Amino acid sequence: MPVWHKTLRDRFSLLPTYQQVLMVANELNRAQNMIEAPLEYKNALERALELTDFISADGRWSKRLREIRRAREVMAMFYHHPRPQDTRILQKCFIQLDSGAWRYINGMAASNGARADIEGK
């Protein structure tokens, strides 16, 4: 597989965990939107796999590493499947790994002071 994020590897661990999760979910969403274009679908999955590897290397995820690696395994199965597969369940799984990402996606970031928590303040 090609390396998609050449300059991101070194600074990925500096990003807030919610942003890391949302970046993977975004690529999975892009794959879902490109389900009728197999090459673009695979490209989006490659990017999601790469970002998942970056997450795995970040020590902050050590307690949830098992879930992350399992999600990566499912992504790899989707990648090698002869026909594109629906990625929505994987998107949900990733978003649920981080409460800040979940709140952000579900529109709760602006209420109850959650914005400060998401921004790491």
Protein backbone atom coordinates (compact mmCIF):
# COMPACT_ATOMS: atom_id res chain seq x y z
CA MET A 1 0.00 0.00 0.00
CA PRO A 2 1.21 3.52 -0.68
CA VAL A 3 1.96 5.98 2.09
CA TRP A 4 -0.76 8.63 1.97
CA HIS A 5 0.09 10.83 4.93
CA LYS A 6 3.82 11.38 4.53
CA THR A 7 4.12 14.31 6.92
CA LEU A 8 1.44 13.33 9.42
CA ARG A 9 3.17 10.39 11.12
CA ASP A 10 5.45 12.55 13.28
CA ARG A 11 2.77 14.96 14.44
CA PHE A 12 -0.24 12.63 14.66
CA SER A 13 0.31 11.91 18.37
CA LEU A 14 0.15 15.66 19.02
CA LEU A 15 -3.46 15.81 17.83
CA PRO A 16 -6.29 15.45 20.36
CA THR A 17 -7.65 11.89 20.47
CA TYR A 18 -11.09 13.02 19.30
CA GLN A 19 -9.52 14.50 16.17
CA GLN A 20 -7.60 11.30 15.46
CA VAL A 21 -10.82 9.31 15.67
CA LEU A 22 -12.69 11.75 13.47
CA MET A 23 -9.96 11.56 10.82
CA VAL A 24 -10.38 7.78 10.58
CA ALA A 25 -14.17 8.09 10.58
CA ASN A 26 -13.91 10.69 7.82
CA GLU A 27 -11.95 8.30 5.59
CA LEU A 28 -14.45 5.53 6.31
CA ASN A 29 -17.26 7.91 5.40
CA ARG A 30 -15.42 8.83 2.20
CA ALA A 31 -15.13 5.11 1.38
CA GLN A 32 -18.86 4.71 1.99
CA ASN A 33 -19.61 7.60 -0.35
CA MET A 34 -17.37 6.03 -3.00
CA ILE A 35 -18.86 2.54 -2.73
CA GLU A 36 -19.78 2.67 -6.44
CA ALA A 37 -16.20 3.63 -7.41
CA PRO A 38 -14.06 0.66 -6.26
CA LEU A 39 -10.67 2.34 -6.78
CA GLU A 40 -11.62 5.42 -4.76
CA TYR A 41 -13.24 3.18 -2.14
CA LYS A 42 -9.97 1.25 -1.74
CA ASN A 43 -7.94 4.47 -1.63
CA ALA A 44 -10.09 5.78 1.23
CA LEU A 45 -9.72 2.46 3.08
CA GLU A 46 -5.94 2.63 2.61
CA ARG A 47 -5.92 6.07 4.21
CA ALA A 48 -8.14 4.85 7.06
CA LEU A 49 -5.83 1.87 7.63
CA GLU A 50 -2.81 4.15 7.72
CA LEU A 51 -4.45 6.50 10.21
CA THR A 52 -5.46 3.53 12.34
CA ASP A 53 -1.81 2.46 12.43
CA PHE A 54 -0.90 5.95 13.64
CA ILE A 55 -3.51 5.65 16.40
CA SER A 56 -2.12 2.25 17.39
CA ALA A 57 1.33 3.79 17.79
CA ASP A 58 0.02 6.54 20.09
CA GLY A 59 0.45 5.53 23.73
CA ARG A 60 -2.74 7.29 24.78
CA TRP A 61 -4.71 4.49 23.13
CA SER A 62 -3.03 1.61 25.00
CA LYS A 63 -6.18 0.75 27.00
CA ARG A 64 -8.29 0.58 23.83
CA LEU A 65 -5.67 -0.95 21.56
CA ARG A 66 -7.52 -4.26 21.31
CA GLU A 67 -10.66 -2.57 19.91
CA ILE A 68 -8.60 -0.44 17.53
CA ARG A 69 -6.69 -3.43 16.18
CA ARG A 70 -9.93 -5.39 15.74
CA ALA A 71 -11.48 -2.51 13.80
CA ARG A 72 -8.34 -2.38 11.66
CA GLU A 73 -8.67 -6.11 10.99
CA VAL A 74 -12.26 -5.60 9.78
CA MET A 75 -11.11 -2.69 7.58
CA ALA A 76 -8.45 -4.94 6.05
CA MET A 77 -11.10 -7.59 5.38
CA PHE A 78 -13.23 -4.96 3.63
CA TYR A 79 -10.19 -3.87 1.62
CA HIS A 80 -9.54 -7.41 0.36
CA HIS A 81 -13.19 -8.25 -0.29
CA PRO A 82 -13.99 -8.48 -4.02
CA ARG A 83 -16.85 -5.96 -3.69
CA PRO A 84 -16.94 -2.78 -1.59
CA GLN A 85 -18.60 -3.26 1.79
CA ASP A 86 -20.70 -0.86 3.84
CA THR A 87 -18.41 1.01 6.28
CA ARG A 88 -21.04 2.72 8.42
CA ILE A 89 -20.74 0.25 11.31
CA LEU A 90 -16.98 0.83 11.41
CA GLN A 91 -17.54 4.57 11.48
CA LYS A 92 -19.80 4.15 14.52
CA CYS A 93 -17.31 1.85 16.23
CA PHE A 94 -14.49 4.34 15.82
CA ILE A 95 -16.54 7.29 16.98
CA GLN A 96 -17.54 5.40 20.12
CA LEU A 97 -13.87 4.91 21.05
CA ASP A 98 -13.59 8.53 22.12
CA SER A 99 -16.27 10.38 24.07
CA GLY A 100 -15.17 13.75 22.66
CA ALA A 101 -15.58 12.47 19.09
CA TRP A 102 -18.98 11.00 19.96
CA ARG A 103 -20.15 14.28 21.47
CA TYR A 104 -18.81 16.23 18.51
CA ILE A 105 -20.63 14.03 15.98
CA ASN A 106 -23.84 14.01 17.97
CA GLY A 107 -24.00 17.79 18.28
CA MET A 108 -23.40 17.88 22.00
CA ALA A 109 -20.04 19.65 21.83
CA ALA A 110 -21.50 23.13 22.27
CA SER A 111 -23.66 22.26 25.28
CA ASN A 112 -22.74 21.70 28.93
CA GLY A 113 -19.18 22.97 28.53
CA ALA A 114 -18.23 19.95 26.46
CA ARG A 115 -16.47 22.17 23.91
CA ALA A 116 -13.66 22.86 26.39
CA ASP A 117 -13.29 19.13 27.03
CA ILE A 118 -13.10 18.39 23.30
CA GLU A 119 -10.55 21.11 22.71
CA GLY A 120 -8.45 19.77 25.55
CA LYS A 121 -8.78 22.82 27.77
